[in-house]
Amino acid sequence: MNDQEIILEFSKRERTVTIIFAIAFGIVGLYIVVNYLTTIYFNPAFPFLISCGLMIYGTYKYYRCPNCNHVPKALGQAGVQMSPESCGDCGKKLR
């Protein structure tokens, strides 16, 4: 892959992760609205666990460098770097 293809592919993957994050926050928002408007009680742990699971799944499944298939790490340590300029493993530009 050349540099332009890598940047384009990473932007598609980043958009997918953004949609997954929006769905996760939408689940929490829906829980808050339903809990506020009705007298039905829902355990708050379930929506939050589902949302956290979705975010973790989206991050580790889709948010990867197209060149080396590694998750961009935060400053080379544990954790995920959001909106990285380049991959910490292979050094390819992602933006």
PDB file of N, CA and C in Angstrom:
ATOM      1  N   MET A   1       0.844  -1.187   0.000  1.00  0.00           N
ATOM      2  CA  MET A   1       0.000   0.000   0.000  1.00  0.00           C
ATOM      3  C   MET A   1       0.885   1.244   0.000  1.00  0.00           C
ATOM      4  N   ASN A   2       0.479   2.229  -0.778  1.00  0.00           N
ATOM      5  CA  ASN A   2       1.223   3.481  -0.721  1.00  0.00           C
ATOM      6  C   ASN A   2       0.657   4.359   0.398  1.00  0.00           C
ATOM      7  N   ASP A   3       1.304   5.496   0.633  1.00  0.00           N
ATOM      8  CA  ASP A   3       0.929   6.341   1.766  1.00  0.00           C
ATOM      9  C   ASP A   3      -0.502   6.859   1.663  1.00  0.00           C
ATOM     10  N   GLN A   4      -0.920   7.246   0.463  1.00  0.00           N
ATOM     11  CA  GLN A   4      -2.271   7.783   0.292  1.00  0.00           C
ATOM     12  C   GLN A   4      -3.333   6.714   0.552  1.00  0.00           C
ATOM     13  N   GLU A   5      -3.100   5.491   0.137  1.00  0.00           N
ATOM     14  CA  GLU A   5      -4.051   4.406   0.391  1.00  0.00           C
ATOM     15  C   GLU A   5      -4.142   4.094   1.880  1.00  0.00           C
ATOM     16  N   ILE A   6      -3.008   4.155   2.576  1.00  0.00           N
ATOM     17  CA  ILE A   6      -3.000   3.908   4.022  1.00  0.00           C
ATOM     18  C   ILE A   6      -3.799   4.979   4.742  1.00  0.00           C
ATOM     19  N   ILE A   7      -3.604   6.240   4.368  1.00  0.00           N
ATOM     20  CA  ILE A   7      -4.344   7.340   4.998  1.00  0.00           C
ATOM     21  C   ILE A   7      -5.839   7.192   4.741  1.00  0.00           C
ATOM     22  N   LEU A   8      -6.214   6.848   3.515  1.00  0.00           N
ATOM     23  CA  LEU A   8      -7.630   6.678   3.172  1.00  0.00           C
ATOM     24  C   LEU A   8      -8.249   5.500   3.925  1.00  0.00           C
ATOM     25  N   GLU A   9      -7.543   4.385   3.988  1.00  0.00           N
ATOM     26  CA  GLU A   9      -8.052   3.208   4.704  1.00  0.00           C
ATOM     27  C   GLU A   9      -8.188   3.486   6.198  1.00  0.00           C
ATOM     28  N   PHE A  10      -7.206   4.186   6.788  1.00  0.00           N
ATOM     29  CA  PHE A  10      -7.295   4.480   8.215  1.00  0.00           C
ATOM     30  C   PHE A  10      -8.446   5.437   8.503  1.00  0.00           C
ATOM     31  N   SER A  11      -8.711   6.380   7.603  1.00  0.00           N
ATOM     32  CA  SER A  11      -9.841   7.287   7.823  1.00  0.00           C
ATOM     33  C   SER A  11     -11.169   6.531   7.768  1.00  0.00           C
ATOM     34  N   LYS A  12     -11.263   5.511   6.897  1.00  0.00           N
ATOM     35  CA  LYS A  12     -12.479   4.682   6.857  1.00  0.00           C
ATOM     36  C   LYS A  12     -12.639   3.907   8.159  1.00  0.00           C
ATOM     37  N   ARG A  13     -11.524   3.348   8.658  1.00  0.00           N
ATOM     38  CA  ARG A  13     -11.584   2.597   9.917  1.00  0.00           C
ATOM     39  C   ARG A  13     -11.925   3.511  11.085  1.00  0.00           C
ATOM     40  N   GLU A  14     -11.370   4.709  11.066  1.00  0.00           N
ATOM     41  CA  GLU A  14     -11.651   5.664  12.140  1.00  0.00           C
ATOM     42  C   GLU A  14     -13.124   6.086  12.124  1.00  0.00           C
ATOM     43  N   ARG A  15     -13.691   6.243  10.936  1.00  0.00           N
ATOM     44  CA  ARG A  15     -15.110   6.581  10.814  1.00  0.00           C
ATOM     45  C   ARG A  15     -15.976   5.448  11.369  1.00  0.00           C
ATOM     46  N   THR A  16     -15.600   4.207  11.098  1.00  0.00           N
ATOM     47  CA  THR A  16     -16.340   3.058  11.620  1.00  0.00           C
ATOM     48  C   THR A  16     -16.321   3.048  13.144  1.00  0.00           C
ATOM     49  N   VAL A  17     -15.164   3.321  13.729  1.00  0.00           N
ATOM     50  CA  VAL A  17     -15.051   3.357  15.192  1.00  0.00           C
ATOM     51  C   VAL A  17     -15.886   4.500  15.756  1.00  0.00           C
ATOM     52  N   THR A  18     -15.913   5.634  15.067  1.00  0.00           N
ATOM     53  CA  THR A  18     -16.733   6.761  15.518  1.00  0.00           C
ATOM     54  C   THR A  18     -18.208   6.387  15.523  1.00  0.00           C
ATOM     55  N   ILE A  19     -18.662   5.653  14.523  1.00  0.00           N
ATOM     56  CA  ILE A  19     -20.061   5.210  14.474  1.00  0.00           C
ATOM     57  C   ILE A  19     -20.347   4.238  15.622  1.00  0.00           C
ATOM     58  N   ILE A  20     -19.426   3.337  15.891  1.00  0.00           N
ATOM     59  CA  ILE A  20     -19.603   2.397  17.007  1.00  0.00           C
ATOM     60  C   ILE A  20     -19.664   3.145  18.334  1.00  0.00           C
ATOM     61  N   PHE A  21     -18.807   4.154  18.521  1.00  0.00           N
ATOM     62  CA  PHE A  21     -18.840   4.962  19.740  1.00  0.00           C
ATOM     63  C   PHE A  21     -20.167   5.709  19.853  1.00  0.00           C
ATOM     64  N   ALA A  22     -20.676   6.238  18.737  1.00  0.00           N
ATOM     65  CA  ALA A  22     -21.953   6.960  18.764  1.00  0.00           C
ATOM     66  C   ALA A  22     -23.093   6.019  19.150  1.00  0.00           C
ATOM     67  N   ILE A  23     -23.063   4.795  18.651  1.00  0.00           N
ATOM     68  CA  ILE A  23     -24.082   3.812  19.027  1.00  0.00           C
ATOM     69  C   ILE A  23     -23.988   3.505  20.528  1.00  0.00           C
ATOM     70  N   ALA A  24     -22.764   3.373  21.030  1.00  0.00           N
ATOM     71  CA  ALA A  24     -22.580   3.077  22.453  1.00  0.00           C
ATOM     72  C   ALA A  24     -23.115   4.217  23.317  1.00  0.00           C
ATOM     73  N   PHE A  25     -22.808   5.454  22.943  1.00  0.00           N
ATOM     74  CA  PHE A  25     -23.326   6.585  23.716  1.00  0.00           C
ATOM     75  C   PHE A  25     -24.832   6.725  23.536  1.00  0.00           C
ATOM     76  N   GLY A  26     -25.345   6.340  22.377  1.00  0.00           N
ATOM     77  CA  GLY A  26     -26.783   6.362  22.150  1.00  0.00           C
ATOM     78  C   GLY A  26     -27.516   5.374  23.052  1.00  0.00           C
ATOM     79  N   ILE A  27     -26.907   4.233  23.304  1.00  0.00           N
ATOM     80  CA  ILE A  27     -27.502   3.250  24.213  1.00  0.00           C
ATOM     81  C   ILE A  27     -27.615   3.836  25.616  1.00  0.00           C
ATOM     82  N   VAL A  28     -26.565   4.493  26.067  1.00  0.00           N
ATOM     83  CA  VAL A  28     -26.593   5.112  27.400  1.00  0.00           C
ATOM     84  C   VAL A  28     -27.621   6.240  27.425  1.00  0.00           C
ATOM     85  N   GLY A  29     -27.655   7.052  26.364  1.00  0.00           N
ATOM     86  CA  GLY A  29     -28.635   8.132  26.294  1.00  0.00           C
ATOM     87  C   GLY A  29     -30.060   7.618  26.278  1.00  0.00           C
ATOM     88  N   LEU A  30     -30.296   6.549  25.537  1.00  0.00           N
ATOM     89  CA  LEU A  30     -31.629   5.941  25.501  1.00  0.00           C
ATOM     90  C   LEU A  30     -32.025   5.425  26.879  1.00  0.00           C
ATOM     91  N   TYR A  31     -31.076   4.821  27.582  1.00  0.00           N
ATOM     92  CA  TYR A  31     -31.347   4.359  28.943  1.00  0.00           C
ATOM     93  C   TYR A  31     -31.759   5.522  29.833  1.00  0.00           C
ATOM     94  N   ILE A  32     -31.033   6.629  29.744  1.00  0.00           N
ATOM     95  CA  ILE A  32     -31.343   7.790  30.596  1.00  0.00           C
ATOM     96  C   ILE A  32     -32.729   8.333  30.272  1.00  0.00           C
ATOM     97  N   VAL A  33     -33.060   8.434  28.993  1.00  0.00           N
ATOM     98  CA  VAL A  33     -34.376   8.956  28.599  1.00  0.00           C
ATOM     99  C   VAL A  33     -35.488   8.022  29.046  1.00  0.00           C
ATOM    100  N   VAL A  34     -35.335   6.733  28.812  1.00  0.00           N
ATOM    101  CA  VAL A  34     -36.366   5.769  29.208  1.00  0.00           C
ATOM    102  C   VAL A  34     -36.525   5.757  30.725  1.00  0.00           C
ATOM    103  N   ASN A  35     -35.431   5.818  31.434  1.00  0.00           N
ATOM    104  CA  ASN A  35     -35.496   5.808  32.890  1.00  0.00           C
ATOM    105  C   ASN A  35     -36.140   7.080  33.433  1.00  0.00           C
ATOM    106  N   TYR A  36     -35.957   8.197  32.742  1.00  0.00           N
ATOM    107  CA  TYR A  36     -36.531   9.460  33.182  1.00  0.00           C
ATOM    108  C   TYR A  36     -38.021   9.559  32.851  1.00  0.00           C
ATOM    109  N   LEU A  37     -38.419   9.062  31.694  1.00  0.00           N
ATOM    110  CA  LEU A  37     -39.792   9.243  31.230  1.00  0.00           C
ATOM    111  C   LEU A  37     -40.770   8.175  31.699  1.00  0.00           C
ATOM    112  N   THR A  38     -40.277   7.035  32.130  1.00  0.00           N
ATOM    113  CA  THR A  38     -41.187   5.962  32.537  1.00  0.00           C
ATOM    114  C   THR A  38     -40.953   5.608  33.997  1.00  0.00           C
ATOM    115  N   THR A  39     -41.857   4.816  34.491  1.00  0.00           N
ATOM    116  CA  THR A  39     -41.701   4.342  35.868  1.00  0.00           C
ATOM    117  C   THR A  39     -41.043   2.970  35.910  1.00  0.00           C
ATOM    118  N   ILE A  40     -40.706   2.457  34.743  1.00  0.00           N
ATOM    119  CA  ILE A  40     -40.046   1.152  34.665  1.00  0.00           C
ATOM    120  C   ILE A  40     -38.587   1.322  35.090  1.00  0.00           C
ATOM    121  N   TYR A  41     -38.130   0.430  35.945  1.00  0.00           N
ATOM    122  CA  TYR A  41     -36.740   0.498  36.388  1.00  0.00           C
ATOM    123  C   TYR A  41     -35.892  -0.481  35.586  1.00  0.00           C
ATOM    124  N   PHE A  42     -34.833   0.025  35.000  1.00  0.00           N
ATOM    125  CA  PHE A  42     -33.834  -0.800  34.329  1.00  0.00           C
ATOM    126  C   PHE A  42     -32.549  -0.708  35.125  1.00  0.00           C
ATOM    127  N   ASN A  43     -31.910  -1.829  35.299  1.00  0.00           N
ATOM    128  CA  ASN A  43     -30.630  -1.838  35.983  1.00  0.00           C
ATOM    129  C   ASN A  43     -29.621  -1.057  35.143  1.00  0.00           C
ATOM    130  N   PRO A  44     -28.980  -0.020  35.692  1.00  0.00           N
ATOM    131  CA  PRO A  44     -28.072   0.799  34.886  1.00  0.00           C
ATOM    132  C   PRO A  44     -26.781   0.081  34.484  1.00  0.00           C
ATOM    133  N   ALA A  45     -26.487  -1.041  35.104  1.00  0.00           N
ATOM    134  CA  ALA A  45     -25.243  -1.740  34.777  1.00  0.00           C
ATOM    135  C   ALA A  45     -25.276  -2.314  33.362  1.00  0.00           C
ATOM    136  N   PHE A  46     -26.430  -2.792  32.931  1.00  0.00           N
ATOM    137  CA  PHE A  46     -26.506  -3.441  31.625  1.00  0.00           C
ATOM    138  C   PHE A  46     -26.198  -2.496  30.455  1.00  0.00           C
ATOM    139  N   PRO A  47     -26.827  -1.312  30.370  1.00  0.00           N
ATOM    140  CA  PRO A  47     -26.484  -0.428  29.256  1.00  0.00           C
ATOM    141  C   PRO A  47     -25.024   0.026  29.288  1.00  0.00           C
ATOM    142  N   PHE A  48     -24.505   0.268  30.484  1.00  0.00           N
ATOM    143  CA  PHE A  48     -23.120   0.716  30.579  1.00  0.00           C
ATOM    144  C   PHE A  48     -22.148  -0.403  30.207  1.00  0.00           C
ATOM    145  N   LEU A  49     -22.432  -1.621  30.614  1.00  0.00           N
ATOM    146  CA  LEU A  49     -21.569  -2.741  30.232  1.00  0.00           C
ATOM    147  C   LEU A  49     -21.629  -3.010  28.730  1.00  0.00           C
ATOM    148  N   ILE A  50     -22.822  -2.923  28.156  1.00  0.00           N
ATOM    149  CA  ILE A  50     -22.959  -3.110  26.713  1.00  0.00           C
ATOM    150  C   ILE A  50     -22.196  -2.021  25.968  1.00  0.00           C
ATOM    151  N   SER A  51     -22.312  -0.778  26.433  1.00  0.00           N
ATOM    152  CA  SER A  51     -21.610   0.333  25.787  1.00  0.00           C
ATOM    153  C   SER A  51     -20.101   0.185  25.895  1.00  0.00           C
ATOM    154  N   CYS A  52     -19.618  -0.173  27.066  1.00  0.00           N
ATOM    155  CA  CYS A  52     -18.176  -0.371  27.239  1.00  0.00           C
ATOM    156  C   CYS A  52     -17.681  -1.523  26.374  1.00  0.00           C
ATOM    157  N   GLY A  53     -18.441  -2.592  26.317  1.00  0.00           N
ATOM    158  CA  GLY A  53     -18.070  -3.720  25.475  1.00  0.00           C
ATOM    159  C   GLY A  53     -18.028  -3.343  24.002  1.00  0.00           C
ATOM    160  N   LEU A  54     -19.003  -2.545  23.552  1.00  0.00           N
ATOM    161  CA  LEU A  54     -19.011  -2.087  22.161  1.00  0.00           C
ATOM    162  C   LEU A  54     -17.795  -1.226  21.846  1.00  0.00           C
ATOM    163  N   MET A  55     -17.446  -0.329  22.769  1.00  0.00           N
ATOM    164  CA  MET A  55     -16.299   0.547  22.533  1.00  0.00           C
ATOM    165  C   MET A  55     -14.993  -0.250  22.498  1.00  0.00           C
ATOM    166  N   ILE A  56     -14.854  -1.198  23.378  1.00  0.00           N
ATOM    167  CA  ILE A  56     -13.638  -2.026  23.391  1.00  0.00           C
ATOM    168  C   ILE A  56     -13.575  -2.869  22.118  1.00  0.00           C
ATOM    169  N   TYR A  57     -14.700  -3.460  21.739  1.00  0.00           N
ATOM    170  CA  TYR A  57     -14.748  -4.262  20.520  1.00  0.00           C
ATOM    171  C   TYR A  57     -14.386  -3.419  19.293  1.00  0.00           C
ATOM    172  N   GLY A  58     -14.997  -2.267  19.170  1.00  0.00           N
ATOM    173  CA  GLY A  58     -14.734  -1.401  18.022  1.00  0.00           C
ATOM    174  C   GLY A  58     -13.299  -0.946  17.950  1.00  0.00           C
ATOM    175  N   THR A  59     -12.737  -0.633  19.110  1.00  0.00           N
ATOM    176  CA  THR A  59     -11.356  -0.163  19.135  1.00  0.00           C
ATOM    177  C   THR A  59     -10.395  -1.254  18.705  1.00  0.00           C
ATOM    178  N   TYR A  60     -10.522  -2.432  19.262  1.00  0.00           N
ATOM    179  CA  TYR A  60      -9.555  -3.484  18.974  1.00  0.00           C
ATOM    180  C   TYR A  60      -9.844  -4.255  17.685  1.00  0.00           C
ATOM    181  N   LYS A  61     -11.056  -4.165  17.163  1.00  0.00           N
ATOM    182  CA  LYS A  61     -11.382  -4.853  15.914  1.00  0.00           C
ATOM    183  C   LYS A  61     -11.075  -3.980  14.694  1.00  0.00           C
ATOM    184  N   TYR A  62     -11.418  -2.702  14.752  1.00  0.00           N
ATOM    185  CA  TYR A  62     -11.340  -1.841  13.579  1.00  0.00           C
ATOM    186  C   TYR A  62     -10.247  -0.783  13.643  1.00  0.00           C
ATOM    187  N   TYR A  63      -9.878  -0.318  14.812  1.00  0.00           N
ATOM    188  CA  TYR A  63      -8.955   0.817  14.941  1.00  0.00           C
ATOM    189  C   TYR A  63      -7.521   0.313  14.894  1.00  0.00           C
ATOM    190  N   ARG A  64      -7.065  -0.046  13.700  1.00  0.00           N
ATOM    191  CA  ARG A  64      -5.728  -0.626  13.512  1.00  0.00           C
ATOM    192  C   ARG A  64      -5.034   0.057  12.340  1.00  0.00           C
ATOM    193  N   CYS A  65      -3.722   0.010  12.369  1.00  0.00           N
ATOM    194  CA  CYS A  65      -2.922   0.529  11.265  1.00  0.00           C
ATOM    195  C   CYS A  65      -3.144  -0.380  10.051  1.00  0.00           C
ATOM    196  N   PRO A  66      -3.485   0.193   8.894  1.00  0.00           N
ATOM    197  CA  PRO A  66      -3.694  -0.644   7.713  1.00  0.00           C
ATOM    198  C   PRO A  66      -2.418  -1.324   7.219  1.00  0.00           C
ATOM    199  N   ASN A  67      -1.268  -0.787   7.572  1.00  0.00           N
ATOM    200  CA  ASN A  67      -0.015  -1.343   7.084  1.00  0.00           C
ATOM    201  C   ASN A  67       0.447  -2.544   7.909  1.00  0.00           C
ATOM    202  N   CYS A  68       0.488  -2.388   9.241  1.00  0.00           N
ATOM    203  CA  CYS A  68       1.029  -3.458  10.092  1.00  0.00           C
ATOM    204  C   CYS A  68      -0.029  -4.147  10.947  1.00  0.00           C
ATOM    205  N   ASN A  69      -1.273  -3.636  10.934  1.00  0.00           N
ATOM    206  CA  ASN A  69      -2.409  -4.225  11.651  1.00  0.00           C
ATOM    207  C   ASN A  69      -2.242  -4.195  13.174  1.00  0.00           C
ATOM    208  N   HIS A  70      -1.527  -3.192  13.690  1.00  0.00           N
ATOM    209  CA  HIS A  70      -1.411  -3.000  15.133  1.00  0.00           C
ATOM    210  C   HIS A  70      -2.275  -1.829  15.569  1.00  0.00           C
ATOM    211  N   VAL A  71      -2.783  -1.891  16.800  1.00  0.00           N
ATOM    212  CA  VAL A  71      -3.539  -0.784  17.368  1.00  0.00           C
ATOM    213  C   VAL A  71      -2.548   0.317  17.732  1.00  0.00           C
ATOM    214  N   PRO A  72      -2.800   1.577  17.330  1.00  0.00           N
ATOM    215  CA  PRO A  72      -1.885   2.662  17.697  1.00  0.00           C
ATOM    216  C   PRO A  72      -1.834   2.833  19.215  1.00  0.00           C
ATOM    217  N   LYS A  73      -0.644   2.709  19.776  1.00  0.00           N
ATOM    218  CA  LYS A  73      -0.470   2.799  21.228  1.00  0.00           C
ATOM    219  C   LYS A  73      -0.202   4.234  21.652  1.00  0.00           C
ATOM    220  N   ALA A  74      -0.626   4.566  22.845  1.00  0.00           N
ATOM    221  CA  ALA A  74      -0.409   5.899  23.395  1.00  0.00           C
ATOM    222  C   ALA A  74       1.036   6.036  23.853  1.00  0.00           C
ATOM    223  N   LEU A  75       1.816   6.783  23.121  1.00  0.00           N
ATOM    224  CA  LEU A  75       3.216   7.051  23.445  1.00  0.00           C
ATOM    225  C   LEU A  75       4.022   5.774  23.638  1.00  0.00           C
ATOM    226  N   GLY A  76       3.691   4.739  22.896  1.00  0.00           N
ATOM    227  CA  GLY A  76       4.423   3.483  22.950  1.00  0.00           C
ATOM    228  C   GLY A  76       4.138   2.646  24.180  1.00  0.00           C
ATOM    229  N   GLN A  77       3.168   3.039  24.969  1.00  0.00           N
ATOM    230  CA  GLN A  77       2.835   2.316  26.195  1.00  0.00           C
ATOM    231  C   GLN A  77       1.476   1.646  26.035  1.00  0.00           C
ATOM    232  N   ALA A  78       0.983   1.112  27.123  1.00  0.00           N
ATOM    233  CA  ALA A  78      -0.346   0.497  27.106  1.00  0.00           C
ATOM    234  C   ALA A  78      -1.396   1.583  26.901  1.00  0.00           C
ATOM    235  N   GLY A  79      -2.448   1.240  26.221  1.00  0.00           N
ATOM    236  CA  GLY A  79      -3.507   2.195  25.942  1.00  0.00           C
ATOM    237  C   GLY A  79      -3.576   2.471  24.454  1.00  0.00           C
ATOM    238  N   VAL A  80      -4.625   3.120  24.028  1.00  0.00           N
ATOM    239  CA  VAL A  80      -4.844   3.390  22.616  1.00  0.00           C
ATOM    240  C   VAL A  80      -4.721   4.889  22.382  1.00  0.00           C
ATOM    241  N   GLN A  81      -3.953   5.259  21.369  1.00  0.00           N
ATOM    242  CA  GLN A  81      -3.817   6.662  21.012  1.00  0.00           C
ATOM    243  C   GLN A  81      -4.912   7.018  20.029  1.00  0.00           C
ATOM    244  N   MET A  82      -5.736   7.964  20.388  1.00  0.00           N
ATOM    245  CA  MET A  82      -6.801   8.411  19.509  1.00  0.00           C
ATOM    246  C   MET A  82      -6.267   9.499  18.588  1.00  0.00           C
ATOM    247  N   SER A  83      -6.636   9.449  17.331  1.00  0.00           N
ATOM    248  CA  SER A  83      -6.217  10.400  16.298  1.00  0.00           C
ATOM    249  C   SER A  83      -4.703  10.501  16.165  1.00  0.00           C
ATOM    250  N   PRO A  84      -4.020   9.387  15.927  1.00  0.00           N
ATOM    251  CA  PRO A  84      -2.559   9.441  15.804  1.00  0.00           C
ATOM    252  C   PRO A  84      -2.121  10.020  14.455  1.00  0.00           C
ATOM    253  N   GLU A  85      -0.994  10.678  14.456  1.00  0.00           N
ATOM    254  CA  GLU A  85      -0.418  11.184  13.209  1.00  0.00           C
ATOM    255  C   GLU A  85       0.244  10.052  12.426  1.00  0.00           C
ATOM    256  N   SER A  86       0.907   9.152  13.151  1.00  0.00           N
ATOM    257  CA  SER A  86       1.582   8.038  12.502  1.00  0.00           C
ATOM    258  C   SER A  86       1.524   6.813  13.410  1.00  0.00           C
ATOM    259  N   CYS A  87       1.780   5.659  12.827  1.00  0.00           N
ATOM    260  CA  CYS A  87       1.764   4.411  13.588  1.00  0.00           C
ATOM    261  C   CYS A  87       3.032   4.318  14.431  1.00  0.00           C
ATOM    262  N   GLY A  88       2.873   3.927  15.678  1.00  0.00           N
ATOM    263  CA  GLY A  88       4.030   3.777  16.558  1.00  0.00           C
ATOM    264  C   GLY A  88       4.858   2.546  16.263  1.00  0.00           C
ATOM    265  N   ASP A  89       4.281   1.563  15.572  1.00  0.00           N
ATOM    266  CA  ASP A  89       5.019   0.322  15.274  1.00  0.00           C
ATOM    267  C   ASP A  89       5.769   0.399  13.951  1.00  0.00           C
ATOM    268  N   CYS A  90       5.082   0.770  12.887  1.00  0.00           N
ATOM    269  CA  CYS A  90       5.743   0.769  11.566  1.00  0.00           C
ATOM    270  C   CYS A  90       6.156   2.159  11.096  1.00  0.00           C
ATOM    271  N   GLY A  91       5.632   3.215  11.736  1.00  0.00           N
ATOM    272  CA  GLY A  91       6.023   4.574  11.387  1.00  0.00           C
ATOM    273  C   GLY A  91       5.313   5.186  10.198  1.00  0.00           C
ATOM    274  N   LYS A  92       4.363   4.480   9.598  1.00  0.00           N
ATOM    275  CA  LYS A  92       3.624   5.021   8.454  1.00  0.00           C
ATOM    276  C   LYS A  92       2.704   6.135   8.894  1.00  0.00           C
ATOM    277  N   LYS A  93       2.523   7.147   8.027  1.00  0.00           N
ATOM    278  CA  LYS A  93       1.605   8.243   8.316  1.00  0.00           C
ATOM    279  C   LYS A  93       0.170   7.737   8.248  1.00  0.00           C
ATOM    280  N   LEU A  94      -0.636   8.118   9.233  1.00  0.00           N
ATOM    281  CA  LEU A  94      -2.048   7.735   9.248  1.00  0.00           C
ATOM    282  C   LEU A  94      -2.958   8.930   8.965  1.00  0.00           C
ATOM    283  N   ARG A  95      -2.400  10.118   8.926  1.00  0.00           N
ATOM    284  CA  ARG A  95      -3.151  11.349   8.639  1.00  0.00           C
ATOM    285  C   ARG A  95      -2.413  12.179   7.629  1.00  0.00           C
TER     286      ARG A  95
END
